[in-house]
């Protein structure tokens, strides 16, 4: 299921600007329901791995680029100290011949 304005486990927002910048956000749902049906994602201690895999798949299949890095999805996805901030660095890879 790849489409704009989708609902996969919770909100997924994607924007693209001329193929240069792509941002996707995949979040765990706040409650264990999807379209009124119970899901076990929140009961699974490693459910965020599934969220990361689905996010990577959707991003790569939508943009056609497999060079994606998916971080987050955990209940505390910042993975830093309390009060710490995440840092994002986007670099253009040099083309090789």
PDB file of N, CA and C in Angstrom:
ATOM      1  N   UNK A   1       0.838  -1.164   0.000  1.00  0.00           N
ATOM      2  CA  UNK A   1       0.000   0.000   0.000  1.00  0.00           C
ATOM      3  C   UNK A   1       0.888   1.234   0.000  1.00  0.00           C
ATOM      4  N   UNK A   2       1.102   1.819  -1.133  1.00  0.00           N
ATOM      5  CA  UNK A   2       1.893   3.042  -1.237  1.00  0.00           C
ATOM      6  C   UNK A   2       1.026   4.089  -1.907  1.00  0.00           C
ATOM      7  N   UNK A   3       0.700   5.118  -1.173  1.00  0.00           N
ATOM      8  CA  UNK A   3      -0.111   6.194  -1.732  1.00  0.00           C
ATOM      9  C   UNK A   3       0.100   7.437  -0.881  1.00  0.00           C
ATOM     10  N   UNK A   4      -0.253   8.558  -1.407  1.00  0.00           N
ATOM     11  CA  UNK A   4      -0.158   9.798  -0.638  1.00  0.00           C
ATOM     12  C   UNK A   4      -1.357   9.883   0.285  1.00  0.00           C
ATOM     13  N   UNK A   5      -1.157  10.385   1.487  1.00  0.00           N
ATOM     14  CA  UNK A   5      -2.244  10.531   2.446  1.00  0.00           C
ATOM     15  C   UNK A   5      -2.653   9.203   3.046  1.00  0.00           C
ATOM     16  N   UNK A   6      -1.713   8.295   3.205  1.00  0.00           N
ATOM     17  CA  UNK A   6      -2.029   6.972   3.730  1.00  0.00           C
ATOM     18  C   UNK A   6      -2.105   6.970   5.248  1.00  0.00           C
ATOM     19  N   UNK A   7      -2.558   5.884   5.804  1.00  0.00           N
ATOM     20  CA  UNK A   7      -2.547   5.667   7.246  1.00  0.00           C
ATOM     21  C   UNK A   7      -1.960   4.289   7.485  1.00  0.00           C
ATOM     22  N   UNK A   8      -0.744   4.237   7.989  1.00  0.00           N
ATOM     23  CA  UNK A   8      -0.090   2.970   8.292  1.00  0.00           C
ATOM     24  C   UNK A   8       0.289   3.008   9.761  1.00  0.00           C
ATOM     25  N   UNK A   9      -0.383   2.255  10.589  1.00  0.00           N
ATOM     26  CA  UNK A   9      -0.194   2.182  12.030  1.00  0.00           C
ATOM     27  C   UNK A   9      -0.448   3.511  12.723  1.00  0.00           C
ATOM     28  N   UNK A  10      -0.169   4.612  12.108  1.00  0.00           N
ATOM     29  CA  UNK A  10      -0.514   5.944  12.596  1.00  0.00           C
ATOM     30  C   UNK A  10      -0.194   6.918  11.481  1.00  0.00           C
ATOM     31  N   UNK A  11       0.068   8.161  11.820  1.00  0.00           N
ATOM     32  CA  UNK A  11       0.280   9.178  10.788  1.00  0.00           C
ATOM     33  C   UNK A  11       1.611   8.982  10.065  1.00  0.00           C
ATOM     34  N   UNK A  12       1.582   9.077   8.761  1.00  0.00           N
ATOM     35  CA  UNK A  12       2.800   9.066   7.955  1.00  0.00           C
ATOM     36  C   UNK A  12       2.735  10.315   7.096  1.00  0.00           C
ATOM     37  N   UNK A  13       3.734  11.169   7.219  1.00  0.00           N
ATOM     38  CA  UNK A  13       3.752  12.397   6.421  1.00  0.00           C
ATOM     39  C   UNK A  13       5.002  12.387   5.566  1.00  0.00           C
ATOM     40  N   UNK A  14       4.855  12.670   4.292  1.00  0.00           N
ATOM     41  CA  UNK A  14       6.011  12.690   3.410  1.00  0.00           C
ATOM     42  C   UNK A  14       5.945  13.929   2.539  1.00  0.00           C
ATOM     43  N   UNK A  15       7.055  14.615   2.426  1.00  0.00           N
ATOM     44  CA  UNK A  15       7.138  15.751   1.523  1.00  0.00           C
ATOM     45  C   UNK A  15       8.364  15.577   0.660  1.00  0.00           C
ATOM     46  N   UNK A  16       8.303  16.084  -0.544  1.00  0.00           N
ATOM     47  CA  UNK A  16       9.439  15.997  -1.455  1.00  0.00           C
ATOM     48  C   UNK A  16       9.527  17.296  -2.229  1.00  0.00           C
ATOM     49  N   UNK A  17      10.733  17.776  -2.416  1.00  0.00           N
ATOM     50  CA  UNK A  17      10.946  19.029  -3.129  1.00  0.00           C
ATOM     51  C   UNK A  17      11.945  18.784  -4.244  1.00  0.00           C
ATOM     52  N   UNK A  18      11.471  18.620  -5.452  1.00  0.00           N
ATOM     53  CA  UNK A  18      12.350  18.452  -6.599  1.00  0.00           C
ATOM     54  C   UNK A  18      13.267  17.254  -6.514  1.00  0.00           C
ATOM     55  N   UNK A  19      12.912  16.257  -5.759  1.00  0.00           N
ATOM     56  CA  UNK A  19      13.757  15.079  -5.634  1.00  0.00           C
ATOM     57  C   UNK A  19      14.978  15.297  -4.763  1.00  0.00           C
ATOM     58  N   UNK A  20      15.130  16.496  -4.212  1.00  0.00           N
ATOM     59  CA  UNK A  20      16.310  16.792  -3.402  1.00  0.00           C
ATOM     60  C   UNK A  20      16.097  16.450  -1.934  1.00  0.00           C
ATOM     61  N   UNK A  21      14.999  16.916  -1.362  1.00  0.00           N
ATOM     62  CA  UNK A  21      14.759  16.705   0.061  1.00  0.00           C
ATOM     63  C   UNK A  21      13.568  15.776   0.234  1.00  0.00           C
ATOM     64  N   UNK A  22      13.719  14.786   1.037  1.00  0.00           N
ATOM     65  CA  UNK A  22      12.605  13.898   1.344  1.00  0.00           C
ATOM     66  C   UNK A  22      12.586  13.671   2.844  1.00  0.00           C
ATOM     67  N   UNK A  23      11.439  13.862   3.429  1.00  0.00           N
ATOM     68  CA  UNK A  23      11.289  13.644   4.867  1.00  0.00           C
ATOM     69  C   UNK A  23      10.085  12.743   5.074  1.00  0.00           C
ATOM     70  N   UNK A  24      10.258  11.713   5.852  1.00  0.00           N
ATOM     71  CA  UNK A  24       9.137  10.830   6.176  1.00  0.00           C
ATOM     72  C   UNK A  24       9.120  10.632   7.676  1.00  0.00           C
ATOM     73  N   UNK A  25       7.940  10.565   8.228  1.00  0.00           N
ATOM     74  CA  UNK A  25       7.804  10.354   9.662  1.00  0.00           C
ATOM     75  C   UNK A  25       6.830   9.211   9.881  1.00  0.00           C
ATOM     76  N   UNK A  26       7.291   8.170  10.534  1.00  0.00           N
ATOM     77  CA  UNK A  26       6.454   7.015  10.838  1.00  0.00           C
ATOM     78  C   UNK A  26       6.420   6.893  12.351  1.00  0.00           C
ATOM     79  N   UNK A  27       5.239   6.897  12.918  1.00  0.00           N
ATOM     80  CA  UNK A  27       5.093   6.895  14.367  1.00  0.00           C
ATOM     81  C   UNK A  27       4.336   5.666  14.833  1.00  0.00           C
ATOM     82  N   UNK A  28       4.684   5.190  16.024  1.00  0.00           N
ATOM     83  CA  UNK A  28       3.885   4.145  16.648  1.00  0.00           C
ATOM     84  C   UNK A  28       2.549   4.752  17.059  1.00  0.00           C
ATOM     85  N   UNK A  29       1.479   3.986  16.970  1.00  0.00           N
ATOM     86  CA  UNK A  29       0.179   4.534  17.366  1.00  0.00           C
ATOM     87  C   UNK A  29       0.130   4.772  18.872  1.00  0.00           C
ATOM     88  N   UNK A  30      -0.703   5.714  19.285  1.00  0.00           N
ATOM     89  CA  UNK A  30      -0.844   5.989  20.710  1.00  0.00           C
ATOM     90  C   UNK A  30      -1.687   4.933  21.413  1.00  0.00           C
ATOM     91  N   UNK A  31      -2.604   4.323  20.685  1.00  0.00           N
ATOM     92  CA  UNK A  31      -3.385   3.239  21.272  1.00  0.00           C
ATOM     93  C   UNK A  31      -3.316   2.041  20.335  1.00  0.00           C
ATOM     94  N   UNK A  32      -3.600   0.878  20.861  1.00  0.00           N
ATOM     95  CA  UNK A  32      -3.414  -0.369  20.119  1.00  0.00           C
ATOM     96  C   UNK A  32      -4.583  -0.667  19.189  1.00  0.00           C
ATOM     97  N   UNK A  33      -4.928   0.302  18.331  1.00  0.00           N
ATOM     98  CA  UNK A  33      -6.001   0.117  17.361  1.00  0.00           C
ATOM     99  C   UNK A  33      -5.610   0.714  16.026  1.00  0.00           C
ATOM    100  N   UNK A  34      -6.066   0.089  14.977  1.00  0.00           N
ATOM    101  CA  UNK A  34      -5.904   0.614  13.628  1.00  0.00           C
ATOM    102  C   UNK A  34      -7.239   0.439  12.927  1.00  0.00           C
ATOM    103  N   UNK A  35      -7.850   1.530  12.533  1.00  0.00           N
ATOM    104  CA  UNK A  35      -9.170   1.501  11.900  1.00  0.00           C
ATOM    105  C   UNK A  35     -10.182   0.723  12.742  1.00  0.00           C
ATOM    106  N   UNK A  36     -10.128   0.931  14.072  1.00  0.00           N
ATOM    107  CA  UNK A  36     -11.086   0.302  14.972  1.00  0.00           C
ATOM    108  C   UNK A  36     -10.797  -1.142  15.329  1.00  0.00           C
ATOM    109  N   UNK A  37      -9.694  -1.689  14.839  1.00  0.00           N
ATOM    110  CA  UNK A  37      -9.345  -3.081  15.150  1.00  0.00           C
ATOM    111  C   UNK A  37      -8.088  -3.117  16.004  1.00  0.00           C
ATOM    112  N   UNK A  38      -8.037  -4.073  16.923  1.00  0.00           N
ATOM    113  CA  UNK A  38      -6.894  -4.200  17.820  1.00  0.00           C
ATOM    114  C   UNK A  38      -5.667  -4.672  17.052  1.00  0.00           C
ATOM    115  N   UNK A  39      -4.521  -4.065  17.369  1.00  0.00           N
ATOM    116  CA  UNK A  39      -3.248  -4.524  16.820  1.00  0.00           C
ATOM    117  C   UNK A  39      -2.314  -4.848  17.983  1.00  0.00           C
ATOM    118  N   UNK A  40      -1.302  -5.655  17.733  1.00  0.00           N
ATOM    119  CA  UNK A  40      -0.383  -6.071  18.793  1.00  0.00           C
ATOM    120  C   UNK A  40       0.946  -5.331  18.741  1.00  0.00           C
ATOM    121  N   UNK A  41       1.049  -4.318  17.916  1.00  0.00           N
ATOM    122  CA  UNK A  41       2.299  -3.583  17.749  1.00  0.00           C
ATOM    123  C   UNK A  41       2.849  -3.065  19.079  1.00  0.00           C
ATOM    124  N   UNK A  42       1.984  -2.521  19.937  1.00  0.00           N
ATOM    125  CA  UNK A  42       2.453  -1.946  21.192  1.00  0.00           C
ATOM    126  C   UNK A  42       2.802  -3.008  22.222  1.00  0.00           C
ATOM    127  N   UNK A  43       2.290  -4.232  22.060  1.00  0.00           N
ATOM    128  CA  UNK A  43       2.622  -5.324  22.975  1.00  0.00           C
ATOM    129  C   UNK A  43       3.957  -5.966  22.628  1.00  0.00           C
ATOM    130  N   UNK A  44       4.432  -5.744  21.431  1.00  0.00           N
ATOM    131  CA  UNK A  44       5.670  -6.355  20.954  1.00  0.00           C
ATOM    132  C   UNK A  44       6.853  -5.519  21.418  1.00  0.00           C
ATOM    133  N   UNK A  45       7.778  -6.109  22.203  1.00  0.00           N
ATOM    134  CA  UNK A  45       8.902  -5.320  22.717  1.00  0.00           C
ATOM    135  C   UNK A  45       9.827  -4.789  21.625  1.00  0.00           C
ATOM    136  N   UNK A  46       9.800  -5.368  20.452  1.00  0.00           N
ATOM    137  CA  UNK A  46      10.640  -4.874  19.352  1.00  0.00           C
ATOM    138  C   UNK A  46       9.780  -4.445  18.162  1.00  0.00           C
ATOM    139  N   UNK A  47       8.566  -4.025  18.441  1.00  0.00           N
ATOM    140  CA  UNK A  47       7.659  -3.600  17.379  1.00  0.00           C
ATOM    141  C   UNK A  47       8.181  -2.426  16.580  1.00  0.00           C
ATOM    142  N   UNK A  48       9.013  -1.599  17.206  1.00  0.00           N
ATOM    143  CA  UNK A  48       9.553  -0.449  16.483  1.00  0.00           C
ATOM    144  C   UNK A  48      10.443  -0.875  15.327  1.00  0.00           C
ATOM    145  N   UNK A  49      11.028  -2.081  15.397  1.00  0.00           N
ATOM    146  CA  UNK A  49      11.817  -2.576  14.262  1.00  0.00           C
ATOM    147  C   UNK A  49      10.921  -2.745  13.029  1.00  0.00           C
ATOM    148  N   UNK A  50       9.702  -3.212  13.267  1.00  0.00           N
ATOM    149  CA  UNK A  50       8.746  -3.362  12.169  1.00  0.00           C
ATOM    150  C   UNK A  50       8.406  -1.990  11.597  1.00  0.00           C
ATOM    151  N   UNK A  51       8.188  -1.011  12.474  1.00  0.00           N
ATOM    152  CA  UNK A  51       7.871   0.346  12.029  1.00  0.00           C
ATOM    153  C   UNK A  51       9.014   0.904  11.187  1.00  0.00           C
ATOM    154  N   UNK A  52      10.256   0.695  11.626  1.00  0.00           N
ATOM    155  CA  UNK A  52      11.411   1.182  10.863  1.00  0.00           C
ATOM    156  C   UNK A  52      11.497   0.491   9.502  1.00  0.00           C
ATOM    157  N   UNK A  53      11.238  -0.807   9.470  1.00  0.00           N
ATOM    158  CA  UNK A  53      11.302  -1.546   8.207  1.00  0.00           C
ATOM    159  C   UNK A  53      10.220  -1.070   7.242  1.00  0.00           C
ATOM    160  N   UNK A  54       9.009  -0.893   7.738  1.00  0.00           N
ATOM    161  CA  UNK A  54       7.919  -0.407   6.890  1.00  0.00           C
ATOM    162  C   UNK A  54       8.225   1.009   6.406  1.00  0.00           C
ATOM    163  N   UNK A  55       8.735   1.849   7.296  1.00  0.00           N
ATOM    164  CA  UNK A  55       9.094   3.214   6.909  1.00  0.00           C
ATOM    165  C   UNK A  55      10.165   3.237   5.835  1.00  0.00           C
ATOM    166  N   UNK A  56      11.196   2.408   5.996  1.00  0.00           N
ATOM    167  CA  UNK A  56      12.252   2.332   4.987  1.00  0.00           C
ATOM    168  C   UNK A  56      11.734   1.826   3.659  1.00  0.00           C
ATOM    169  N   UNK A  57      10.871   0.819   3.706  1.00  0.00           N
ATOM    170  CA  UNK A  57      10.280   0.285   2.480  1.00  0.00           C
ATOM    171  C   UNK A  57       9.454   1.344   1.767  1.00  0.00           C
ATOM    172  N   UNK A  58       8.584   2.030   2.510  1.00  0.00           N
ATOM    173  CA  UNK A  58       7.730   3.047   1.895  1.00  0.00           C
ATOM    174  C   UNK A  58       8.551   4.185   1.308  1.00  0.00           C
ATOM    175  N   UNK A  59       9.567   4.626   2.029  1.00  0.00           N
ATOM    176  CA  UNK A  59      10.401   5.722   1.542  1.00  0.00           C
ATOM    177  C   UNK A  59      11.166   5.316   0.289  1.00  0.00           C
ATOM    178  N   UNK A  60      11.795   4.138   0.316  1.00  0.00           N
ATOM    179  CA  UNK A  60      12.572   3.677  -0.840  1.00  0.00           C
ATOM    180  C   UNK A  60      11.676   3.389  -2.043  1.00  0.00           C
ATOM    181  N   UNK A  61      10.530   2.760  -1.823  1.00  0.00           N
ATOM    182  CA  UNK A  61       9.668   2.419  -2.957  1.00  0.00           C
ATOM    183  C   UNK A  61       8.981   3.648  -3.542  1.00  0.00           C
ATOM    184  N   UNK A  62       8.713   4.642  -2.724  1.00  0.00           N
ATOM    185  CA  UNK A  62       8.065   5.854  -3.218  1.00  0.00           C
ATOM    186  C   UNK A  62       9.035   6.749  -3.975  1.00  0.00           C
ATOM    187  N   UNK A  63      10.262   6.887  -3.457  1.00  0.00           N
ATOM    188  CA  UNK A  63      11.237   7.780  -4.091  1.00  0.00           C
ATOM    189  C   UNK A  63      12.067   7.087  -5.151  1.00  0.00           C
ATOM    190  N   UNK A  64      12.145   5.753  -5.105  1.00  0.00           N
ATOM    191  CA  UNK A  64      12.992   5.029  -6.048  1.00  0.00           C
ATOM    192  C   UNK A  64      14.451   5.013  -5.641  1.00  0.00           C
ATOM    193  N   UNK A  65      14.755   5.489  -4.438  1.00  0.00           N
ATOM    194  CA  UNK A  65      16.128   5.500  -3.934  1.00  0.00           C
ATOM    195  C   UNK A  65      16.233   4.559  -2.742  1.00  0.00           C
ATOM    196  N   UNK A  66      17.208   3.671  -2.792  1.00  0.00           N
ATOM    197  CA  UNK A  66      17.387   2.746  -1.677  1.00  0.00           C
ATOM    198  C   UNK A  66      18.406   3.253  -0.671  1.00  0.00           C
ATOM    199  N   UNK A  67      19.030   4.394  -0.947  1.00  0.00           N
ATOM    200  CA  UNK A  67      19.989   4.973  -0.009  1.00  0.00           C
ATOM    201  C   UNK A  67      19.230   5.793   1.028  1.00  0.00           C
ATOM    202  N   UNK A  68      18.544   5.111   1.927  1.00  0.00           N
ATOM    203  CA  UNK A  68      17.767   5.798   2.951  1.00  0.00           C
ATOM    204  C   UNK A  68      18.255   5.346   4.319  1.00  0.00           C
ATOM    205  N   UNK A  69      18.152   6.235   5.270  1.00  0.00           N
ATOM    206  CA  UNK A  69      18.470   5.909   6.656  1.00  0.00           C
ATOM    207  C   UNK A  69      17.220   6.181   7.466  1.00  0.00           C
ATOM    208  N   UNK A  70      16.750   5.183   8.170  1.00  0.00           N
ATOM    209  CA  UNK A  70      15.537   5.325   8.964  1.00  0.00           C
ATOM    210  C   UNK A  70      15.925   5.246  10.425  1.00  0.00           C
ATOM    211  N   UNK A  71      15.676   6.313  11.130  1.00  0.00           N
ATOM    212  CA  UNK A  71      15.966   6.362  12.557  1.00  0.00           C
ATOM    213  C   UNK A  71      14.672   6.645  13.287  1.00  0.00           C
ATOM    214  N   UNK A  72      14.530   6.099  14.459  1.00  0.00           N
ATOM    215  CA  UNK A  72      13.345   6.384  15.257  1.00  0.00           C
ATOM    216  C   UNK A  72      12.337   5.265  15.191  1.00  0.00           C
ATOM    217  N   UNK A  73      11.119   5.583  15.597  1.00  0.00           N
ATOM    218  CA  UNK A  73      10.065   4.593  15.666  1.00  0.00           C
ATOM    219  C   UNK A  73       9.885   4.054  17.070  1.00  0.00           C
ATOM    220  N   UNK A  74      10.929   4.154  17.887  1.00  0.00           N
ATOM    221  CA  UNK A  74      10.821   3.688  19.261  1.00  0.00           C
ATOM    222  C   UNK A  74       9.902   4.616  20.039  1.00  0.00           C
ATOM    223  N   UNK A  75       9.443   4.150  21.177  1.00  0.00           N
ATOM    224  CA  UNK A  75       8.578   5.005  21.990  1.00  0.00           C
ATOM    225  C   UNK A  75       9.326   6.262  22.424  1.00  0.00           C
ATOM    226  N   UNK A  76      10.637   6.150  22.630  1.00  0.00           N
ATOM    227  CA  UNK A  76      11.471   7.323  22.891  1.00  0.00           C
ATOM    228  C   UNK A  76      12.527   7.338  21.802  1.00  0.00           C
ATOM    229  N   UNK A  77      12.159   7.840  20.638  1.00  0.00           N
ATOM    230  CA  UNK A  77      13.027   7.691  19.475  1.00  0.00           C
ATOM    231  C   UNK A  77      14.186   8.664  19.432  1.00  0.00           C
ATOM    232  N   UNK A  78      14.248   9.601  20.359  1.00  0.00           N
ATOM    233  CA  UNK A  78      15.374  10.529  20.323  1.00  0.00           C
ATOM    234  C   UNK A  78      16.668   9.861  20.751  1.00  0.00           C
ATOM    235  N   UNK A  79      16.602   8.810  21.518  1.00  0.00           N
ATOM    236  CA  UNK A  79      17.755   8.007  21.925  1.00  0.00           C
ATOM    237  C   UNK A  79      18.873   8.866  22.507  1.00  0.00           C
ATOM    238  N   UNK A  80      18.530   9.852  23.243  1.00  0.00           N
ATOM    239  CA  UNK A  80      19.527  10.721  23.843  1.00  0.00           C
ATOM    240  C   UNK A  80      19.194  10.982  25.295  1.00  0.00           C
ATOM    241  N   UNK A  81      20.017  11.784  25.943  1.00  0.00           N
ATOM    242  CA  UNK A  81      19.771  12.084  27.351  1.00  0.00           C
ATOM    243  C   UNK A  81      18.547  12.984  27.520  1.00  0.00           C
ATOM    244  N   UNK A  82      17.941  12.980  28.694  1.00  0.00           N
ATOM    245  CA  UNK A  82      16.813  13.881  28.929  1.00  0.00           C
ATOM    246  C   UNK A  82      17.227  15.325  28.634  1.00  0.00           C
ATOM    247  N   UNK A  83      16.396  16.026  27.891  1.00  0.00           N
ATOM    248  CA  UNK A  83      16.706  17.398  27.521  1.00  0.00           C
ATOM    249  C   UNK A  83      17.619  17.504  26.317  1.00  0.00           C
ATOM    250  N   UNK A  84      18.106  16.370  25.817  1.00  0.00           N
ATOM    251  CA  UNK A  84      18.985  16.377  24.649  1.00  0.00           C
ATOM    252  C   UNK A  84      18.180  16.558  23.376  1.00  0.00           C
ATOM    253  N   UNK A  85      18.841  16.937  22.321  1.00  0.00           N
ATOM    254  CA  UNK A  85      18.177  17.158  21.040  1.00  0.00           C
ATOM    255  C   UNK A  85      18.778  16.272  19.971  1.00  0.00           C
ATOM    256  N   UNK A  86      17.940  15.775  19.048  1.00  0.00           N
ATOM    257  CA  UNK A  86      18.481  14.994  17.939  1.00  0.00           C
ATOM    258  C   UNK A  86      19.179  15.913  16.942  1.00  0.00           C
ATOM    259  N   UNK A  87      20.127  15.378  16.215  1.00  0.00           N
ATOM    260  CA  UNK A  87      20.844  16.120  15.185  1.00  0.00           C
ATOM    261  C   UNK A  87      20.705  15.366  13.886  1.00  0.00           C
ATOM    262  N   UNK A  88      20.362  16.073  12.833  1.00  0.00           N
ATOM    263  CA  UNK A  88      20.211  15.446  11.521  1.00  0.00           C
ATOM    264  C   UNK A  88      21.211  16.079  10.577  1.00  0.00           C
ATOM    265  N   UNK A  89      21.925  15.247   9.857  1.00  0.00           N
ATOM    266  CA  UNK A  89      22.895  15.720   8.881  1.00  0.00           C
ATOM    267  C   UNK A  89      22.598  15.034   7.562  1.00  0.00           C
ATOM    268  N   UNK A  90      22.366  15.820   6.536  1.00  0.00           N
ATOM    269  CA  UNK A  90      22.064  15.272   5.217  1.00  0.00           C
ATOM    270  C   UNK A  90      23.186  15.681   4.283  1.00  0.00           C
ATOM    271  N   UNK A  91      23.828  14.703   3.669  1.00  0.00           N
ATOM    272  CA  UNK A  91      24.964  14.975   2.798  1.00  0.00           C
ATOM    273  C   UNK A  91      24.713  14.354   1.439  1.00  0.00           C
ATOM    274  N   UNK A  92      25.111  15.054   0.400  1.00  0.00           N
ATOM    275  CA  UNK A  92      24.975  14.518  -0.949  1.00  0.00           C
ATOM    276  C   UNK A  92      26.153  13.574  -1.193  1.00  0.00           C
ATOM    277  N   UNK A  93      25.867  12.343  -1.578  1.00  0.00           N
ATOM    278  CA  UNK A  93      26.917  11.364  -1.863  1.00  0.00           C
ATOM    279  C   UNK A  93      27.533  11.667  -3.226  1.00  0.00           C
ATOM    280  N   UNK A  94      28.852  11.586  -3.291  1.00  0.00           N
ATOM    281  CA  UNK A  94      29.538  11.817  -4.562  1.00  0.00           C
ATOM    282  C   UNK A  94      29.268  10.650  -5.497  1.00  0.00           C
ATOM    283  N   UNK A  95      29.085  10.961  -6.770  1.00  0.00           N
ATOM    284  CA  UNK A  95      28.850   9.904  -7.749  1.00  0.00           C
ATOM    285  C   UNK A  95      30.169   9.220  -8.079  1.00  0.00           C
ATOM    286  N   UNK A  96      30.120   7.920  -8.186  1.00  0.00           N
ATOM    287  CA  UNK A  96      31.312   7.156  -8.560  1.00  0.00           C
ATOM    288  C   UNK A  96      31.095   6.555  -9.934  1.00  0.00           C
ATOM    289  N   UNK A  97      32.185   6.377 -10.636  1.00  0.00           N
ATOM    290  CA  UNK A  97      32.042   5.822 -11.991  1.00  0.00           C
ATOM    291  C   UNK A  97      32.441   4.377 -12.041  1.00  0.00           C
TER     292      UNK A  97
END
